[in-house]
Amino acid sequence: MKYAEFNIEKNKIEFLNSVFGTESVLLNGELVSKKFSFSGIKHELILNSESFILKSKYELFDKREIELKLIKNGETVEKQIVKADKKHRIYWMLIGIGLGVGIYELVNLLIGNLN
């Protein structure tokens, strides 16, 4: 899911995130960074021979926000705070419930075999 877009001169930097924690950064539609993170991470990219860092920070269980900072030469060029997709939270709750039920059944099966 696309969360944010930064425009630097005539260039477009896009930040995307999947429900399973894969973050992607696109520069003018081309993938320039892809990393896994649940709490946030730094993506490095080169634009017009200059180094940029797109830093993500999650507050999914508190404010359910993603803070994105575009940094150039150690200084923040632009900062965006976006709401996390509610679907992501619902998917993880369903996965948690499924795992909980599965573990419960497995433990009951193991205990039943011990008796």
PDB file of N, CA and C in Angstrom:
ATOM      1  N   MET A   1       0.832  -1.176   0.000  1.00  0.00           N
ATOM      2  CA  MET A   1       0.000   0.000   0.000  1.00  0.00           C
ATOM      3  C   MET A   1       0.882   1.246   0.000  1.00  0.00           C
ATOM      4  N   LYS A   2       0.529   2.203  -0.813  1.00  0.00           N
ATOM      5  CA  LYS A   2       1.279   3.458  -0.870  1.00  0.00           C
ATOM      6  C   LYS A   2       0.860   4.335   0.310  1.00  0.00           C
ATOM      7  N   TYR A   3       1.858   4.798   1.056  1.00  0.00           N
ATOM      8  CA  TYR A   3       1.591   5.640   2.213  1.00  0.00           C
ATOM      9  C   TYR A   3       1.924   7.098   1.987  1.00  0.00           C
ATOM     10  N   ALA A   4       3.002   7.377   1.256  1.00  0.00           N
ATOM     11  CA  ALA A   4       3.427   8.770   1.138  1.00  0.00           C
ATOM     12  C   ALA A   4       4.174   9.001  -0.160  1.00  0.00           C
ATOM     13  N   GLU A   5       4.216  10.264  -0.528  1.00  0.00           N
ATOM     14  CA  GLU A   5       4.923  10.682  -1.727  1.00  0.00           C
ATOM     15  C   GLU A   5       5.651  11.988  -1.415  1.00  0.00           C
ATOM     16  N   PHE A   6       6.907  12.041  -1.826  1.00  0.00           N
ATOM     17  CA  PHE A   6       7.721  13.245  -1.677  1.00  0.00           C
ATOM     18  C   PHE A   6       8.107  13.711  -3.075  1.00  0.00           C
ATOM     19  N   ASN A   7       8.018  15.003  -3.318  1.00  0.00           N
ATOM     20  CA  ASN A   7       8.411  15.556  -4.611  1.00  0.00           C
ATOM     21  C   ASN A   7       9.597  16.485  -4.413  1.00  0.00           C
ATOM     22  N   ILE A   8      10.723  16.128  -5.018  1.00  0.00           N
ATOM     23  CA  ILE A   8      11.947  16.920  -4.965  1.00  0.00           C
ATOM     24  C   ILE A   8      12.246  17.349  -6.397  1.00  0.00           C
ATOM     25  N   GLU A   9      12.152  18.655  -6.644  1.00  0.00           N
ATOM     26  CA  GLU A   9      12.266  19.199  -7.993  1.00  0.00           C
ATOM     27  C   GLU A   9      11.248  18.475  -8.867  1.00  0.00           C
ATOM     28  N   LYS A  10      11.681  17.759  -9.891  1.00  0.00           N
ATOM     29  CA  LYS A  10      10.733  17.042 -10.756  1.00  0.00           C
ATOM     30  C   LYS A  10      10.772  15.543 -10.503  1.00  0.00           C
ATOM     31  N   ASN A  11      11.276  15.152  -9.351  1.00  0.00           N
ATOM     32  CA  ASN A  11      11.410  13.735  -9.013  1.00  0.00           C
ATOM     33  C   ASN A  11      10.390  13.342  -7.952  1.00  0.00           C
ATOM     34  N   LYS A  12       9.898  12.112  -8.083  1.00  0.00           N
ATOM     35  CA  LYS A  12       8.903  11.608  -7.143  1.00  0.00           C
ATOM     36  C   LYS A  12       9.483  10.435  -6.361  1.00  0.00           C
ATOM     37  N   ILE A  13       9.450  10.548  -5.031  1.00  0.00           N
ATOM     38  CA  ILE A  13       9.880   9.471  -4.137  1.00  0.00           C
ATOM     39  C   ILE A  13       8.623   8.942  -3.458  1.00  0.00           C
ATOM     40  N   GLU A  14       8.375   7.637  -3.581  1.00  0.00           N
ATOM     41  CA  GLU A  14       7.179   7.030  -3.001  1.00  0.00           C
ATOM     42  C   GLU A  14       7.572   6.008  -1.942  1.00  0.00           C
ATOM     43  N   PHE A  15       6.802   5.968  -0.856  1.00  0.00           N
ATOM     44  CA  PHE A  15       7.009   4.999   0.220  1.00  0.00           C
ATOM     45  C   PHE A  15       5.814   4.063   0.245  1.00  0.00           C
ATOM     46  N   LEU A  16       6.098   2.751   0.163  1.00  0.00           N
ATOM     47  CA  LEU A  16       5.050   1.733   0.198  1.00  0.00           C
ATOM     48  C   LEU A  16       5.361   0.736   1.301  1.00  0.00           C
ATOM     49  N   ASN A  17       4.318   0.105   1.825  1.00  0.00           N
ATOM     50  CA  ASN A  17       4.495  -0.871   2.889  1.00  0.00           C
ATOM     51  C   ASN A  17       3.464  -1.974   2.730  1.00  0.00           C
ATOM     52  N   SER A  18       3.902  -3.217   2.936  1.00  0.00           N
ATOM     53  CA  SER A  18       2.979  -4.349   2.853  1.00  0.00           C
ATOM     54  C   SER A  18       2.517  -4.745   4.252  1.00  0.00           C
ATOM     55  N   VAL A  19       1.498  -5.555   4.307  1.00  0.00           N
ATOM     56  CA  VAL A  19       0.954  -6.016   5.585  1.00  0.00           C
ATOM     57  C   VAL A  19       1.974  -6.856   6.348  1.00  0.00           C
ATOM     58  N   PHE A  20       2.937  -7.451   5.652  1.00  0.00           N
ATOM     59  CA  PHE A  20       3.933  -8.298   6.303  1.00  0.00           C
ATOM     60  C   PHE A  20       5.236  -7.570   6.606  1.00  0.00           C
ATOM     61  N   GLY A  21       5.229  -6.231   6.526  1.00  0.00           N
ATOM     62  CA  GLY A  21       6.375  -5.445   6.960  1.00  0.00           C
ATOM     63  C   GLY A  21       7.429  -5.157   5.913  1.00  0.00           C
ATOM     64  N   THR A  22       7.146  -5.409   4.659  1.00  0.00           N
ATOM     65  CA  THR A  22       8.106  -5.096   3.604  1.00  0.00           C
ATOM     66  C   THR A  22       7.904  -3.649   3.169  1.00  0.00           C
ATOM     67  N   GLU A  23       8.937  -2.839   3.375  1.00  0.00           N
ATOM     68  CA  GLU A  23       8.903  -1.442   2.962  1.00  0.00           C
ATOM     69  C   GLU A  23       9.599  -1.319   1.613  1.00  0.00           C
ATOM     70  N   SER A  24       9.026  -0.530   0.733  1.00  0.00           N
ATOM     71  CA  SER A  24       9.625  -0.281  -0.576  1.00  0.00           C
ATOM     72  C   SER A  24       9.683   1.216  -0.815  1.00  0.00           C
ATOM     73  N   VAL A  25      10.769   1.650  -1.451  1.00  0.00           N
ATOM     74  CA  VAL A  25      10.919   3.051  -1.836  1.00  0.00           C
ATOM     75  C   VAL A  25      11.133   3.088  -3.343  1.00  0.00           C
ATOM     76  N   LEU A  26      10.309   3.882  -4.008  1.00  0.00           N
ATOM     77  CA  LEU A  26      10.404   4.041  -5.449  1.00  0.00           C
ATOM     78  C   LEU A  26      10.879   5.451  -5.764  1.00  0.00           C
ATOM     79  N   LEU A  27      11.762   5.567  -6.730  1.00  0.00           N
ATOM     80  CA  LEU A  27      12.218   6.862  -7.230  1.00  0.00           C
ATOM     81  C   LEU A  27      11.807   6.945  -8.691  1.00  0.00           C
ATOM     82  N   ASN A  28      10.881   7.848  -8.973  1.00  0.00           N
ATOM     83  CA  ASN A  28      10.330   7.992 -10.330  1.00  0.00           C
ATOM     84  C   ASN A  28       9.826   6.654 -10.876  1.00  0.00           C
ATOM     85  N   GLY A  29       9.172   5.882 -10.009  1.00  0.00           N
ATOM     86  CA  GLY A  29       8.583   4.610 -10.404  1.00  0.00           C
ATOM     87  C   GLY A  29       9.516   3.418 -10.377  1.00  0.00           C
ATOM     88  N   GLU A  30      10.807   3.631 -10.136  1.00  0.00           N
ATOM     89  CA  GLU A  30      11.799   2.547 -10.093  1.00  0.00           C
ATOM     90  C   GLU A  30      12.098   2.178  -8.642  1.00  0.00           C
ATOM     91  N   LEU A  31      12.118   0.890  -8.347  1.00  0.00           N
ATOM     92  CA  LEU A  31      12.440   0.420  -7.004  1.00  0.00           C
ATOM     93  C   LEU A  31      13.906   0.718  -6.683  1.00  0.00           C
ATOM     94  N   VAL A  32      14.147   1.470  -5.597  1.00  0.00           N
ATOM     95  CA  VAL A  32      15.524   1.792  -5.204  1.00  0.00           C
ATOM     96  C   VAL A  32      15.884   1.195  -3.846  1.00  0.00           C
ATOM     97  N   SER A  33      14.884   0.776  -3.079  1.00  0.00           N
ATOM     98  CA  SER A  33      15.159   0.157  -1.781  1.00  0.00           C
ATOM     99  C   SER A  33      13.972  -0.699  -1.370  1.00  0.00           C
ATOM    100  N   LYS A  34      14.293  -1.860  -0.799  1.00  0.00           N
ATOM    101  CA  LYS A  34      13.253  -2.762  -0.303  1.00  0.00           C
ATOM    102  C   LYS A  34      13.815  -3.447   0.928  1.00  0.00           C
ATOM    103  N   LYS A  35      13.172  -3.219   2.075  1.00  0.00           N
ATOM    104  CA  LYS A  35      13.650  -3.775   3.336  1.00  0.00           C
ATOM    105  C   LYS A  35      12.470  -4.236   4.180  1.00  0.00           C
ATOM    106  N   PHE A  36      12.787  -5.115   5.129  1.00  0.00           N
ATOM    107  CA  PHE A  36      11.790  -5.646   6.056  1.00  0.00           C
ATOM    108  C   PHE A  36      11.907  -4.934   7.397  1.00  0.00           C
ATOM    109  N   SER A  37      10.777  -4.473   7.930  1.00  0.00           N
ATOM    110  CA  SER A  37      10.796  -3.806   9.226  1.00  0.00           C
ATOM    111  C   SER A  37       9.389  -3.713   9.795  1.00  0.00           C
ATOM    112  N   PHE A  38       9.284  -3.887  11.120  1.00  0.00           N
ATOM    113  CA  PHE A  38       8.016  -3.650  11.806  1.00  0.00           C
ATOM    114  C   PHE A  38       8.059  -2.382  12.642  1.00  0.00           C
ATOM    115  N   SER A  39       9.239  -1.842  12.879  1.00  0.00           N
ATOM    116  CA  SER A  39       9.344  -0.652  13.735  1.00  0.00           C
ATOM    117  C   SER A  39       9.891   0.555  12.990  1.00  0.00           C
ATOM    118  N   GLY A  40      10.342   0.369  11.773  1.00  0.00           N
ATOM    119  CA  GLY A  40      10.904   1.455  10.988  1.00  0.00           C
ATOM    120  C   GLY A  40      12.354   1.183  10.644  1.00  0.00           C
ATOM    121  N   ILE A  41      12.820   1.813   9.574  1.00  0.00           N
ATOM    122  CA  ILE A  41      14.172   1.553   9.081  1.00  0.00           C
ATOM    123  C   ILE A  41      14.601   2.713   8.182  1.00  0.00           C
ATOM    124  N   LYS A  42      15.872   2.745   7.826  1.00  0.00           N
ATOM    125  CA  LYS A  42      16.405   3.783   6.941  1.00  0.00           C
ATOM    126  C   LYS A  42      16.602   3.218   5.537  1.00  0.00           C
ATOM    127  N   HIS A  43      16.155   3.975   4.560  1.00  0.00           N
ATOM    128  CA  HIS A  43      16.360   3.638   3.153  1.00  0.00           C
ATOM    129  C   HIS A  43      17.266   4.704   2.555  1.00  0.00           C
ATOM    130  N   GLU A  44      18.355   4.285   1.935  1.00  0.00           N
ATOM    131  CA  GLU A  44      19.279   5.227   1.311  1.00  0.00           C
ATOM    132  C   GLU A  44      19.021   5.266  -0.188  1.00  0.00           C
ATOM    133  N   LEU A  45      19.060   6.480  -0.747  1.00  0.00           N
ATOM    134  CA  LEU A  45      18.879   6.621  -2.179  1.00  0.00           C
ATOM    135  C   LEU A  45      19.707   7.795  -2.692  1.00  0.00           C
ATOM    136  N   ILE A  46      20.018   7.744  -3.974  1.00  0.00           N
ATOM    137  CA  ILE A  46      20.797   8.791  -4.631  1.00  0.00           C
ATOM    138  C   ILE A  46      19.880   9.503  -5.619  1.00  0.00           C
ATOM    139  N   LEU A  47      19.844  10.824  -5.513  1.00  0.00           N
ATOM    140  CA  LEU A  47      19.030  11.639  -6.406  1.00  0.00           C
ATOM    141  C   LEU A  47      19.877  12.812  -6.885  1.00  0.00           C
ATOM    142  N   ASN A  48      20.084  12.897  -8.191  1.00  0.00           N
ATOM    143  CA  ASN A  48      20.919  13.962  -8.779  1.00  0.00           C
ATOM    144  C   ASN A  48      22.294  14.021  -8.116  1.00  0.00           C
ATOM    145  N   SER A  49      22.919  12.876  -7.949  1.00  0.00           N
ATOM    146  CA  SER A  49      24.259  12.736  -7.337  1.00  0.00           C
ATOM    147  C   SER A  49      24.308  13.158  -5.874  1.00  0.00           C
ATOM    148  N   GLU A  50      23.159  13.283  -5.235  1.00  0.00           N
ATOM    149  CA  GLU A  50      23.114  13.638  -3.812  1.00  0.00           C
ATOM    150  C   GLU A  50      22.487  12.490  -3.033  1.00  0.00           C
ATOM    151  N   SER A  51      23.004  12.265  -1.827  1.00  0.00           N
ATOM    152  CA  SER A  51      22.510  11.178  -0.978  1.00  0.00           C
ATOM    153  C   SER A  51      21.325  11.647  -0.145  1.00  0.00           C
ATOM    154  N   PHE A  52      20.290  10.825  -0.143  1.00  0.00           N
ATOM    155  CA  PHE A  52      19.113  11.064   0.680  1.00  0.00           C
ATOM    156  C   PHE A  52      18.875   9.829   1.533  1.00  0.00           C
ATOM    157  N   ILE A  53      18.222  10.024   2.659  1.00  0.00           N
ATOM    158  CA  ILE A  53      17.768   8.923   3.503  1.00  0.00           C
ATOM    159  C   ILE A  53      16.283   9.131   3.740  1.00  0.00           C
ATOM    160  N   LEU A  54      15.505   8.092   3.509  1.00  0.00           N
ATOM    161  CA  LEU A  54      14.093   8.110   3.869  1.00  0.00           C
ATOM    162  C   LEU A  54      13.967   7.222   5.090  1.00  0.00           C
ATOM    163  N   LYS A  55      13.639   7.822   6.204  1.00  0.00           N
ATOM    164  CA  LYS A  55      13.593   7.117   7.483  1.00  0.00           C
ATOM    165  C   LYS A  55      12.139   6.936   7.905  1.00  0.00           C
ATOM    166  N   SER A  56      11.781   5.693   8.209  1.00  0.00           N
ATOM    167  CA  SER A  56      10.424   5.405   8.675  1.00  0.00           C
ATOM    168  C   SER A  56      10.466   5.016  10.148  1.00  0.00           C
ATOM    169  N   LYS A  57       9.423   5.397  10.857  1.00  0.00           N
ATOM    170  CA  LYS A  57       9.293   5.048  12.273  1.00  0.00           C
ATOM    171  C   LYS A  57       7.816   4.764  12.531  1.00  0.00           C
ATOM    172  N   TYR A  58       7.552   3.580  13.089  1.00  0.00           N
ATOM    173  CA  TYR A  58       6.173   3.162  13.325  1.00  0.00           C
ATOM    174  C   TYR A  58       5.761   3.340  14.768  1.00  0.00           C
ATOM    175  N   GLU A  59       4.530   3.740  14.940  1.00  0.00           N
ATOM    176  CA  GLU A  59       3.869   3.730  16.244  1.00  0.00           C
ATOM    177  C   GLU A  59       2.524   3.048  16.025  1.00  0.00           C
ATOM    178  N   LEU A  60       2.589   1.766  15.648  1.00  0.00           N
ATOM    179  CA  LEU A  60       1.382   1.043  15.256  1.00  0.00           C
ATOM    180  C   LEU A  60       0.479   0.678  16.419  1.00  0.00           C
ATOM    181  N   PHE A  61       1.044   0.481  17.610  1.00  0.00           N
ATOM    182  CA  PHE A  61       0.212   0.049  18.728  1.00  0.00           C
ATOM    183  C   PHE A  61      -0.180   1.205  19.631  1.00  0.00           C
ATOM    184  N   ASP A  62       0.399   2.361  19.414  1.00  0.00           N
ATOM    185  CA  ASP A  62       0.072   3.532  20.214  1.00  0.00           C
ATOM    186  C   ASP A  62      -0.832   4.451  19.395  1.00  0.00           C
ATOM    187  N   LYS A  63      -0.240   5.236  18.545  1.00  0.00           N
ATOM    188  CA  LYS A  63      -0.991   6.193  17.736  1.00  0.00           C
ATOM    189  C   LYS A  63      -1.406   5.631  16.383  1.00  0.00           C
ATOM    190  N   ARG A  64      -0.869   4.465  16.024  1.00  0.00           N
ATOM    191  CA  ARG A  64      -1.108   3.853  14.711  1.00  0.00           C
ATOM    192  C   ARG A  64      -0.708   4.808  13.586  1.00  0.00           C
ATOM    193  N   GLU A  65       0.486   5.368  13.740  1.00  0.00           N
ATOM    194  CA  GLU A  65       1.008   6.309  12.761  1.00  0.00           C
ATOM    195  C   GLU A  65       2.356   5.842  12.225  1.00  0.00           C
ATOM    196  N   ILE A  66       2.660   6.312  11.040  1.00  0.00           N
ATOM    197  CA  ILE A  66       3.977   6.102  10.452  1.00  0.00           C
ATOM    198  C   ILE A  66       4.579   7.487  10.227  1.00  0.00           C
ATOM    199  N   GLU A  67       5.731   7.701  10.840  1.00  0.00           N
ATOM    200  CA  GLU A  67       6.439   8.967  10.651  1.00  0.00           C
ATOM    201  C   GLU A  67       7.512   8.745   9.594  1.00  0.00           C
ATOM    202  N   LEU A  68       7.500   9.571   8.575  1.00  0.00           N
ATOM    203  CA  LEU A  68       8.462   9.469   7.482  1.00  0.00           C
ATOM    204  C   LEU A  68       9.253  10.765   7.395  1.00  0.00           C
ATOM    205  N   LYS A  69      10.572  10.630   7.377  1.00  0.00           N
ATOM    206  CA  LYS A  69      11.446  11.794   7.246  1.00  0.00           C
ATOM    207  C   LYS A  69      12.343  11.600   6.037  1.00  0.00           C
ATOM    208  N   LEU A  70      12.376  12.599   5.177  1.00  0.00           N
ATOM    209  CA  LEU A  70      13.307  12.608   4.061  1.00  0.00           C
ATOM    210  C   LEU A  70      14.467  13.501   4.475  1.00  0.00           C
ATOM    211  N   ILE A  71      15.661  12.913   4.538  1.00  0.00           N
ATOM    212  CA  ILE A  71      16.838  13.589   5.086  1.00  0.00           C
ATOM    213  C   ILE A  71      17.899  13.741   3.997  1.00  0.00           C
ATOM    214  N   LYS A  72      18.474  14.943   3.923  1.00  0.00           N
ATOM    215  CA  LYS A  72      19.568  15.230   2.984  1.00  0.00           C
ATOM    216  C   LYS A  72      20.678  15.915   3.771  1.00  0.00           C
ATOM    217  N   ASN A  73      21.880  15.359   3.703  1.00  0.00           N
ATOM    218  CA  ASN A  73      23.037  15.915   4.419  1.00  0.00           C
ATOM    219  C   ASN A  73      22.764  16.104   5.912  1.00  0.00           C
ATOM    220  N   GLY A  74      22.063  15.159   6.515  1.00  0.00           N
ATOM    221  CA  GLY A  74      21.808  15.195   7.949  1.00  0.00           C
ATOM    222  C   GLY A  74      20.678  16.114   8.372  1.00  0.00           C
ATOM    223  N   GLU A  75      20.051  16.805   7.440  1.00  0.00           N
ATOM    224  CA  GLU A  75      18.962  17.719   7.768  1.00  0.00           C
ATOM    225  C   GLU A  75      17.661  17.232   7.145  1.00  0.00           C
ATOM    226  N   THR A  76      16.582  17.354   7.901  1.00  0.00           N
ATOM    227  CA  THR A  76      15.277  16.926   7.420  1.00  0.00           C
ATOM    228  C   THR A  76      14.786  17.884   6.340  1.00  0.00           C
ATOM    229  N   VAL A  77      14.528  17.330   5.154  1.00  0.00           N
ATOM    230  CA  VAL A  77      14.006  18.106   4.032  1.00  0.00           C
ATOM    231  C   VAL A  77      12.490  18.192   4.136  1.00  0.00           C
ATOM    232  N   GLU A  78      11.877  17.052   4.474  1.00  0.00           N
ATOM    233  CA  GLU A  78      10.421  16.992   4.589  1.00  0.00           C
ATOM    234  C   GLU A  78      10.049  15.883   5.563  1.00  0.00           C
ATOM    235  N   LYS A  79       8.976  16.113   6.305  1.00  0.00           N
ATOM    236  CA  LYS A  79       8.487  15.129   7.268  1.00  0.00           C
ATOM    237  C   LYS A  79       6.990  14.947   7.037  1.00  0.00           C
ATOM    238  N   GLN A  80       6.559  13.692   7.026  1.00  0.00           N
ATOM    239  CA  GLN A  80       5.138  13.381   6.895  1.00  0.00           C
ATOM    240  C   GLN A  80       4.752  12.381   7.971  1.00  0.00           C
ATOM    241  N   ILE A  81       3.585  12.575   8.536  1.00  0.00           N
ATOM    242  CA  ILE A  81       3.027  11.608   9.480  1.00  0.00           C
ATOM    243  C   ILE A  81       1.717  11.126   8.879  1.00  0.00           C
ATOM    244  N   VAL A  82       1.648   9.814   8.646  1.00  0.00           N
ATOM    245  CA  VAL A  82       0.460   9.236   8.020  1.00  0.00           C
ATOM    246  C   VAL A  82      -0.126   8.162   8.930  1.00  0.00           C
ATOM    247  N   LYS A  83      -1.416   7.990   8.844  1.00  0.00           N
ATOM    248  CA  LYS A  83      -2.098   6.953   9.614  1.00  0.00           C
ATOM    249  C   LYS A  83      -1.830   5.589   8.982  1.00  0.00           C
ATOM    250  N   ALA A  84      -1.561   4.613   9.818  1.00  0.00           N
ATOM    251  CA  ALA A  84      -1.358   3.245   9.337  1.00  0.00           C
ATOM    252  C   ALA A  84      -2.691   2.679   8.862  1.00  0.00           C
ATOM    253  N   ASP A  85      -2.634   1.832   7.873  1.00  0.00           N
ATOM    254  CA  ASP A  85      -3.831   1.215   7.312  1.00  0.00           C
ATOM    255  C   ASP A  85      -4.479   0.302   8.349  1.00  0.00           C
ATOM    256  N   LYS A  86      -5.766   0.497   8.590  1.00  0.00           N
ATOM    257  CA  LYS A  86      -6.487  -0.321   9.575  1.00  0.00           C
ATOM    258  C   LYS A  86      -6.529  -1.791   9.165  1.00  0.00           C
ATOM    259  N   LYS A  87      -6.488  -2.048   7.864  1.00  0.00           N
ATOM    260  CA  LYS A  87      -6.513  -3.434   7.386  1.00  0.00           C
ATOM    261  C   LYS A  87      -5.300  -4.209   7.895  1.00  0.00           C
ATOM    262  N   HIS A  88      -4.152  -3.546   7.964  1.00  0.00           N
ATOM    263  CA  HIS A  88      -2.939  -4.218   8.453  1.00  0.00           C
ATOM    264  C   HIS A  88      -3.155  -4.725   9.873  1.00  0.00           C
ATOM    265  N   ARG A  89      -3.732  -3.905  10.709  1.00  0.00           N
ATOM    266  CA  ARG A  89      -3.971  -4.294  12.103  1.00  0.00           C
ATOM    267  C   ARG A  89      -4.960  -5.454  12.181  1.00  0.00           C
ATOM    268  N   ILE A  90      -6.005  -5.404  11.361  1.00  0.00           N
ATOM    269  CA  ILE A  90      -7.006  -6.478  11.352  1.00  0.00           C
ATOM    270  C   ILE A  90      -6.368  -7.792  10.893  1.00  0.00           C
ATOM    271  N   TYR A  91      -5.539  -7.738   9.845  1.00  0.00           N
ATOM    272  CA  TYR A  91      -4.863  -8.950   9.371  1.00  0.00           C
ATOM    273  C   TYR A  91      -4.012  -9.564  10.475  1.00  0.00           C
ATOM    274  N   TRP A  92      -3.248  -8.727  11.188  1.00  0.00           N
ATOM    275  CA  TRP A  92      -2.385  -9.241  12.246  1.00  0.00           C
ATOM    276  C   TRP A  92      -3.191  -9.778  13.423  1.00  0.00           C
ATOM    277  N   MET A  93      -4.351  -9.185  13.714  1.00  0.00           N
ATOM    278  CA  MET A  93      -5.206  -9.729  14.777  1.00  0.00           C
ATOM    279  C   MET A  93      -5.716 -11.108  14.376  1.00  0.00           C
ATOM    280  N   LEU A  94      -6.121 -11.258  13.117  1.00  0.00           N
ATOM    281  CA  LEU A  94      -6.600 -12.560  12.643  1.00  0.00           C
ATOM    282  C   LEU A  94      -5.489 -13.606  12.654  1.00  0.00           C
ATOM    283  N   ILE A  95      -4.286 -13.201  12.248  1.00  0.00           N
ATOM    284  CA  ILE A  95      -3.146 -14.117  12.295  1.00  0.00           C
ATOM    285  C   ILE A  95      -2.861 -14.522  13.735  1.00  0.00           C
ATOM    286  N   GLY A  96      -2.904 -13.566  14.657  1.00  0.00           N
ATOM    287  CA  GLY A  96      -2.673 -13.849  16.081  1.00  0.00           C
ATOM    288  C   GLY A  96      -3.710 -14.797  16.650  1.00  0.00           C
ATOM    289  N   ILE A  97      -4.969 -14.574  16.301  1.00  0.00           N
ATOM    290  CA  ILE A  97      -6.037 -15.464  16.778  1.00  0.00           C
ATOM    291  C   ILE A  97      -5.829 -16.869  16.215  1.00  0.00           C
ATOM    292  N   GLY A  98      -5.514 -16.951  14.921  1.00  0.00           N
ATOM    293  CA  GLY A  98      -5.271 -18.255  14.299  1.00  0.00           C
ATOM    294  C   GLY A  98      -4.113 -18.991  14.946  1.00  0.00           C
ATOM    295  N   LEU A  99      -3.021 -18.280  15.197  1.00  0.00           N
ATOM    296  CA  LEU A  99      -1.872 -18.903  15.868  1.00  0.00           C
ATOM    297  C   LEU A  99      -2.226 -19.328  17.290  1.00  0.00           C
ATOM    298  N   GLY A 100      -2.976 -18.489  17.979  1.00  0.00           N
ATOM    299  CA  GLY A 100      -3.375 -18.820  19.350  1.00  0.00           C
ATOM    300  C   GLY A 100      -4.212 -20.086  19.403  1.00  0.00           C
ATOM    301  N   VAL A 101      -5.188 -20.189  18.519  1.00  0.00           N
ATOM    302  CA  VAL A 101      -6.042 -21.381  18.473  1.00  0.00           C
ATOM    303  C   VAL A 101      -5.209 -22.601  18.088  1.00  0.00           C
ATOM    304  N   GLY A 102      -4.321 -22.441  17.103  1.00  0.00           N
ATOM    305  CA  GLY A 102      -3.472 -23.554  16.675  1.00  0.00           C
ATOM    306  C   GLY A 102      -2.564 -24.050  17.789  1.00  0.00           C
ATOM    307  N   ILE A 103      -1.942 -23.132  18.518  1.00  0.00           N
ATOM    308  CA  ILE A 103      -1.061 -23.511  19.632  1.00  0.00           C
ATOM    309  C   ILE A 103      -1.862 -24.168  20.744  1.00  0.00           C
ATOM    310  N   TYR A 104      -3.046 -23.642  21.031  1.00  0.00           N
ATOM    311  CA  TYR A 104      -3.911 -24.230  22.058  1.00  0.00           C
ATOM    312  C   TYR A 104      -4.255 -25.679  21.702  1.00  0.00           C
ATOM    313  N   GLU A 105      -4.641 -25.898  20.453  1.00  0.00           N
ATOM    314  CA  GLU A 105      -4.995 -27.255  20.018  1.00  0.00           C
ATOM    315  C   GLU A 105      -3.782 -28.183  20.068  1.00  0.00           C
ATOM    316  N   LEU A 106      -2.618 -27.690  19.675  1.00  0.00           N
ATOM    317  CA  LEU A 106      -1.399 -28.490  19.709  1.00  0.00           C
ATOM    318  C   LEU A 106      -1.031 -28.874  21.138  1.00  0.00           C
ATOM    319  N   VAL A 107      -1.116 -27.933  22.060  1.00  0.00           N
ATOM    320  CA  VAL A 107      -0.814 -28.218  23.467  1.00  0.00           C
ATOM    321  C   VAL A 107      -1.801 -29.233  24.023  1.00  0.00           C
ATOM    322  N   ASN A 108      -3.089 -29.082  23.712  1.00  0.00           N
ATOM    323  CA  ASN A 108      -4.088 -30.056  24.170  1.00  0.00           C
ATOM    324  C   ASN A 108      -3.799 -31.448  23.617  1.00  0.00           C
ATOM    325  N   LEU A 109      -3.386 -31.523  22.362  1.00  0.00           N
ATOM    326  CA  LEU A 109      -3.054 -32.803  21.753  1.00  0.00           C
ATOM    327  C   LEU A 109      -1.851 -33.435  22.448  1.00  0.00           C
ATOM    328  N   LEU A 110      -0.822 -32.636  22.717  1.00  0.00           N
ATOM    329  CA  LEU A 110       0.374 -33.146  23.392  1.00  0.00           C
ATOM    330  C   LEU A 110       0.063 -33.598  24.812  1.00  0.00           C
ATOM    331  N   ILE A 111      -0.720 -32.816  25.526  1.00  0.00           N
ATOM    332  CA  ILE A 111      -1.089 -33.188  26.902  1.00  0.00           C
ATOM    333  C   ILE A 111      -1.944 -34.446  26.889  1.00  0.00           C
ATOM    334  N   GLY A 112      -2.851 -34.555  25.912  1.00  0.00           N
ATOM    335  CA  GLY A 112      -3.691 -35.745  25.796  1.00  0.00           C
ATOM    336  C   GLY A 112      -2.872 -36.998  25.532  1.00  0.00           C
ATOM    337  N   ASN A 113      -1.798 -36.876  24.774  1.00  0.00           N
ATOM    338  CA  ASN A 113      -0.932 -38.017  24.482  1.00  0.00           C
ATOM    339  C   ASN A 113      -0.071 -38.404  25.676  1.00  0.00           C
ATOM    340  N   LEU A 114       0.195 -37.459  26.577  1.00  0.00           N
ATOM    341  CA  LEU A 114       0.987 -37.758  27.770  1.00  0.00           C
ATOM    342  C   LEU A 114       0.180 -38.547  28.801  1.00  0.00           C
ATOM    343  N   ASN A 115      -1.121 -38.343  28.795  1.00  0.00           N
ATOM    344  CA  ASN A 115      -1.978 -39.024  29.786  1.00  0.00           C
ATOM    345  C   ASN A 115      -2.328 -40.382  29.358  1.00  0.00           C
TER     346      ASN A 115
END
